[in-house]
């Protein structure tokens, strides 16, 4: 069973969302950050709204 999701502010760059997602699934945090940047550029900023929502709801 993977660990529960939580913000990883110690290893995070902004709010710890990408680092928390990476810890939850065992991925590299850099890949999650790149995916959010690509999502923000391709989705006209919708990934930014998702990022902020996760940061406000989690922990």
Protein backbone atom coordinates (compact mmCIF):
# COMPACT_ATOMS: atom_id res chain seq x y z
CA UNK A 1 0.00 0.00 0.00
CA UNK A 2 1.51 3.37 -1.00
CA UNK A 3 1.80 6.11 1.60
CA UNK A 4 -1.12 8.54 1.88
CA UNK A 5 -0.92 11.82 -0.01
CA UNK A 6 0.39 14.86 1.79
CA UNK A 7 2.12 18.05 0.73
CA UNK A 8 5.90 17.71 0.89
CA UNK A 9 6.90 21.24 1.80
CA UNK A 10 10.42 20.18 2.81
CA UNK A 11 11.25 18.94 -0.70
CA UNK A 12 8.82 21.14 -2.61
CA UNK A 13 9.75 24.13 -4.70
CA UNK A 14 6.57 26.18 -4.39
CA UNK A 15 3.90 24.62 -2.19
CA UNK A 16 4.99 20.98 -2.18
CA UNK A 17 2.21 19.65 -4.39
CA UNK A 18 4.41 18.05 -7.05
CA UNK A 19 6.78 16.60 -4.45
CA UNK A 20 3.80 15.17 -2.56
CA UNK A 21 2.39 13.58 -5.71
CA UNK A 22 5.81 12.15 -6.52
CA UNK A 23 6.16 10.68 -3.01
CA UNK A 24 2.68 9.18 -3.18
CA UNK A 25 3.31 7.31 -6.43
CA UNK A 26 7.07 6.75 -6.13
CA UNK A 27 7.93 8.96 -9.10
CA UNK A 28 10.68 11.49 -9.66
CA UNK A 29 9.49 14.96 -8.55
CA UNK A 30 11.10 16.55 -11.60
CA UNK A 31 8.86 14.52 -13.91
CA UNK A 32 5.76 15.63 -12.01
CA UNK A 33 6.87 19.27 -12.19
CA UNK A 34 7.52 19.00 -15.93
CA UNK A 35 4.08 17.43 -16.40
CA UNK A 36 2.44 20.34 -14.53
CA UNK A 37 4.33 22.90 -16.65
CA UNK A 38 3.34 21.14 -19.87
CA UNK A 39 -0.24 20.92 -18.61
CA UNK A 40 -0.25 24.61 -17.76
CA UNK A 41 1.05 25.58 -21.20
CA UNK A 42 -1.11 23.15 -23.17
CA UNK A 43 -4.25 23.67 -21.09
CA UNK A 44 -4.11 27.47 -21.07
CA UNK A 45 -3.41 27.58 -17.33
CA UNK A 46 -5.92 25.01 -16.15
CA UNK A 47 -3.15 23.00 -14.46
CA UNK A 48 -2.35 26.07 -12.37
CA UNK A 49 -5.91 26.09 -11.04
CA UNK A 50 -5.66 22.38 -10.26
CA UNK A 51 -2.30 22.94 -8.53
CA UNK A 52 -3.72 25.70 -6.33
CA UNK A 53 -6.82 23.63 -5.53
CA UNK A 54 -4.66 20.68 -4.43
CA UNK A 55 -2.50 22.99 -2.31
CA UNK A 56 -5.57 24.43 -0.58
CA UNK A 57 -7.37 21.13 -0.03
CA UNK A 58 -4.46 18.89 1.00
CA UNK A 59 -3.04 19.03 4.51
